[in-house]
Each structure stands twice: as C-alpha cells, then as structure tokens.
C-alpha cells in the first residue's frame, strides 16, 4: 500500500502531481476532471518513496 499523500505544483500552464498511485491513468483523468482542465495539462510524477531513499531509483513520469 502506498501512503495516501500527494503534492501538487499548480501553474498557469498545467499541474504536476507528485505521489504514489496504482492506477495513474485513472488518477490523472479524475484529477483533471475535478480541476476542469485537459488531462494533457496534468503530469503525474509517481514516486516510490522507499525505493528513492534506499536504492535511489528515478521516478516514473506519465
């Protein structure tokens, strides 16, 4: 289970969300609908916090 926390960087040209998700497409589309923006303007930065701290892996970008 991922921790249920996300960070959002909201800018005029789009939004970047940083956090864990098992369903990134659904999370992206639902968030875009809630914000009233096109899904293409929303970027997910999926972080695996344990992997980042222990192994130093790079995040997966959608």
N, C-alpha and C. Protein backbone atom coordinates (compact mmCIF):
# COMPACT_ATOMS: atom_id res chain seq x y z
N UNK A 1 0.82 -1.19 0.00
CA UNK A 1 0.00 0.00 0.00
C UNK A 1 0.87 1.25 0.00
N UNK A 2 0.49 2.17 -0.84
CA UNK A 2 1.18 3.45 -0.85
C UNK A 2 0.60 4.35 0.24
N UNK A 3 1.41 5.25 0.75
CA UNK A 3 0.83 6.25 1.65
C UNK A 3 -0.10 7.15 0.85
N UNK A 4 -1.18 7.58 1.45
CA UNK A 4 -2.16 8.41 0.75
C UNK A 4 -1.80 9.88 0.87
N UNK A 5 -0.76 10.29 0.19
CA UNK A 5 -0.40 11.70 0.17
C UNK A 5 0.15 12.08 -1.20
N UNK A 6 -0.15 13.27 -1.62
CA UNK A 6 0.31 13.80 -2.88
C UNK A 6 0.71 15.25 -2.67
N UNK A 7 1.59 15.73 -3.51
CA UNK A 7 1.93 17.14 -3.56
C UNK A 7 1.50 17.65 -4.92
N UNK A 8 1.04 18.88 -4.99
CA UNK A 8 0.62 19.47 -6.27
C UNK A 8 1.40 20.75 -6.52
N UNK A 9 1.89 20.87 -7.75
CA UNK A 9 2.52 22.11 -8.21
C UNK A 9 1.60 22.67 -9.29
N UNK A 10 0.83 23.68 -8.94
CA UNK A 10 -0.17 24.26 -9.85
C UNK A 10 0.40 25.51 -10.47
N UNK A 11 0.41 25.54 -11.79
CA UNK A 11 0.94 26.68 -12.56
C UNK A 11 -0.06 27.03 -13.66
N UNK A 12 0.06 28.21 -14.24
CA UNK A 12 -0.87 28.59 -15.31
C UNK A 12 -0.86 27.64 -16.51
N UNK A 13 0.30 27.01 -16.78
CA UNK A 13 0.40 26.14 -17.96
C UNK A 13 0.09 24.68 -17.66
N UNK A 14 -0.18 24.32 -16.40
CA UNK A 14 -0.51 22.94 -16.08
C UNK A 14 -0.28 22.61 -14.62
N UNK A 15 -0.46 21.34 -14.30
CA UNK A 15 -0.36 20.87 -12.92
C UNK A 15 0.53 19.64 -12.89
N UNK A 16 1.42 19.58 -11.91
CA UNK A 16 2.21 18.37 -11.69
C UNK A 16 1.83 17.82 -10.33
N UNK A 17 1.47 16.54 -10.30
CA UNK A 17 1.16 15.85 -9.06
C UNK A 17 2.30 14.89 -8.75
N UNK A 18 2.76 14.88 -7.50
CA UNK A 18 3.84 14.01 -7.07
C UNK A 18 3.30 13.11 -5.96
N UNK A 19 3.34 11.81 -6.19
CA UNK A 19 2.85 10.86 -5.19
C UNK A 19 2.68 9.48 -5.79
N UNK A 20 2.27 8.51 -4.98
CA UNK A 20 2.12 7.14 -5.45
C UNK A 20 0.71 6.87 -6.00
N UNK A 21 0.62 5.95 -6.96
CA UNK A 21 -0.69 5.53 -7.47
C UNK A 21 -0.55 4.18 -8.16
N UNK A 22 -1.50 3.30 -7.93
CA UNK A 22 -1.53 2.02 -8.65
C UNK A 22 -2.30 2.15 -9.96
N UNK A 23 -3.05 3.24 -10.11
CA UNK A 23 -3.84 3.46 -11.32
C UNK A 23 -3.59 4.89 -11.82
N UNK A 24 -2.41 5.14 -12.40
CA UNK A 24 -2.06 6.50 -12.78
C UNK A 24 -2.99 7.14 -13.81
N UNK A 25 -3.45 6.38 -14.79
CA UNK A 25 -4.36 6.96 -15.80
C UNK A 25 -5.67 7.40 -15.17
N UNK A 26 -6.23 6.57 -14.30
CA UNK A 26 -7.48 6.92 -13.64
C UNK A 26 -7.27 8.13 -12.72
N UNK A 27 -6.15 8.16 -12.00
CA UNK A 27 -5.86 9.29 -11.11
C UNK A 27 -5.71 10.58 -11.91
N UNK A 28 -5.02 10.49 -13.03
CA UNK A 28 -4.82 11.67 -13.88
C UNK A 28 -6.15 12.18 -14.44
N UNK A 29 -6.95 11.30 -14.98
CA UNK A 29 -8.22 11.70 -15.58
C UNK A 29 -9.20 12.24 -14.54
N UNK A 30 -9.29 11.60 -13.38
CA UNK A 30 -10.20 12.05 -12.34
C UNK A 30 -9.78 13.42 -11.80
N UNK A 31 -8.48 13.61 -11.61
CA UNK A 31 -7.99 14.90 -11.11
C UNK A 31 -8.21 16.00 -12.13
N UNK A 32 -7.96 15.70 -13.40
CA UNK A 32 -8.19 16.70 -14.45
C UNK A 32 -9.66 17.09 -14.51
N UNK A 33 -10.55 16.13 -14.37
CA UNK A 33 -11.99 16.42 -14.36
C UNK A 33 -12.35 17.30 -13.17
N UNK A 34 -11.83 16.97 -11.98
CA UNK A 34 -12.12 17.78 -10.79
C UNK A 34 -11.61 19.21 -10.93
N UNK A 35 -10.45 19.38 -11.58
CA UNK A 35 -9.87 20.71 -11.74
C UNK A 35 -10.41 21.46 -12.96
N UNK A 36 -11.13 20.74 -13.82
CA UNK A 36 -11.67 21.37 -15.03
C UNK A 36 -10.61 21.71 -16.06
N UNK A 37 -9.57 20.86 -16.14
CA UNK A 37 -8.50 21.07 -17.13
C UNK A 37 -8.37 19.82 -18.00
N UNK A 38 -7.71 19.96 -19.14
CA UNK A 38 -7.47 18.82 -20.02
C UNK A 38 -6.45 17.88 -19.37
N UNK A 39 -6.65 16.57 -19.48
CA UNK A 39 -5.70 15.62 -18.90
C UNK A 39 -4.26 15.83 -19.40
N UNK A 40 -4.11 16.37 -20.60
CA UNK A 40 -2.77 16.61 -21.16
C UNK A 40 -2.01 17.68 -20.38
N UNK A 41 -2.73 18.51 -19.64
CA UNK A 41 -2.10 19.57 -18.84
C UNK A 41 -1.75 19.11 -17.43
N UNK A 42 -2.01 17.85 -17.15
CA UNK A 42 -1.73 17.31 -15.83
C UNK A 42 -0.65 16.24 -15.94
N UNK A 43 0.41 16.38 -15.19
CA UNK A 43 1.51 15.43 -15.24
C UNK A 43 1.63 14.74 -13.88
N UNK A 44 1.77 13.41 -13.92
CA UNK A 44 1.96 12.63 -12.69
C UNK A 44 3.43 12.26 -12.55
N UNK A 45 3.97 12.51 -11.40
CA UNK A 45 5.33 12.11 -11.06
C UNK A 45 5.15 11.06 -9.98
N UNK A 46 5.20 9.79 -10.37
CA UNK A 46 4.94 8.69 -9.43
C UNK A 46 6.21 8.36 -8.68
N UNK A 47 6.18 8.58 -7.39
CA UNK A 47 7.35 8.37 -6.55
C UNK A 47 7.16 7.12 -5.70
N UNK A 48 8.19 6.31 -5.66
CA UNK A 48 8.23 5.19 -4.73
C UNK A 48 9.20 5.61 -3.62
N UNK A 49 8.67 6.13 -2.52
CA UNK A 49 9.50 6.76 -1.51
C UNK A 49 10.56 5.82 -0.94
N UNK A 50 10.21 4.56 -0.68
CA UNK A 50 11.18 3.64 -0.13
C UNK A 50 12.29 3.38 -1.14
N UNK A 51 11.95 3.19 -2.40
CA UNK A 51 12.96 2.96 -3.43
C UNK A 51 13.87 4.17 -3.57
N UNK A 52 13.29 5.38 -3.55
CA UNK A 52 14.10 6.58 -3.66
C UNK A 52 15.10 6.69 -2.52
N UNK A 53 14.66 6.38 -1.31
CA UNK A 53 15.52 6.52 -0.16
C UNK A 53 16.59 5.44 -0.08
N UNK A 54 16.20 4.21 -0.42
CA UNK A 54 17.11 3.08 -0.25
C UNK A 54 17.97 2.85 -1.48
N UNK A 55 17.36 2.87 -2.66
CA UNK A 55 18.06 2.49 -3.87
C UNK A 55 18.41 3.70 -4.75
N UNK A 56 17.65 4.78 -4.63
CA UNK A 56 17.92 5.96 -5.45
C UNK A 56 17.40 5.84 -6.87
N UNK A 57 16.31 5.11 -7.07
CA UNK A 57 15.73 4.96 -8.41
C UNK A 57 15.08 6.25 -8.87
N UNK A 58 15.02 6.44 -10.17
CA UNK A 58 14.39 7.63 -10.73
C UNK A 58 12.89 7.43 -10.80
N UNK A 59 12.11 8.53 -10.70
CA UNK A 59 10.64 8.40 -10.75
C UNK A 59 10.15 8.05 -12.15
N UNK A 60 8.95 7.51 -12.22
CA UNK A 60 8.29 7.21 -13.48
C UNK A 60 7.40 8.40 -13.81
N UNK A 61 7.52 8.96 -15.01
CA UNK A 61 6.73 10.12 -15.39
C UNK A 61 5.63 9.70 -16.38
N UNK A 62 4.41 10.19 -16.15
CA UNK A 62 3.29 9.94 -17.06
C UNK A 62 2.78 11.24 -17.58
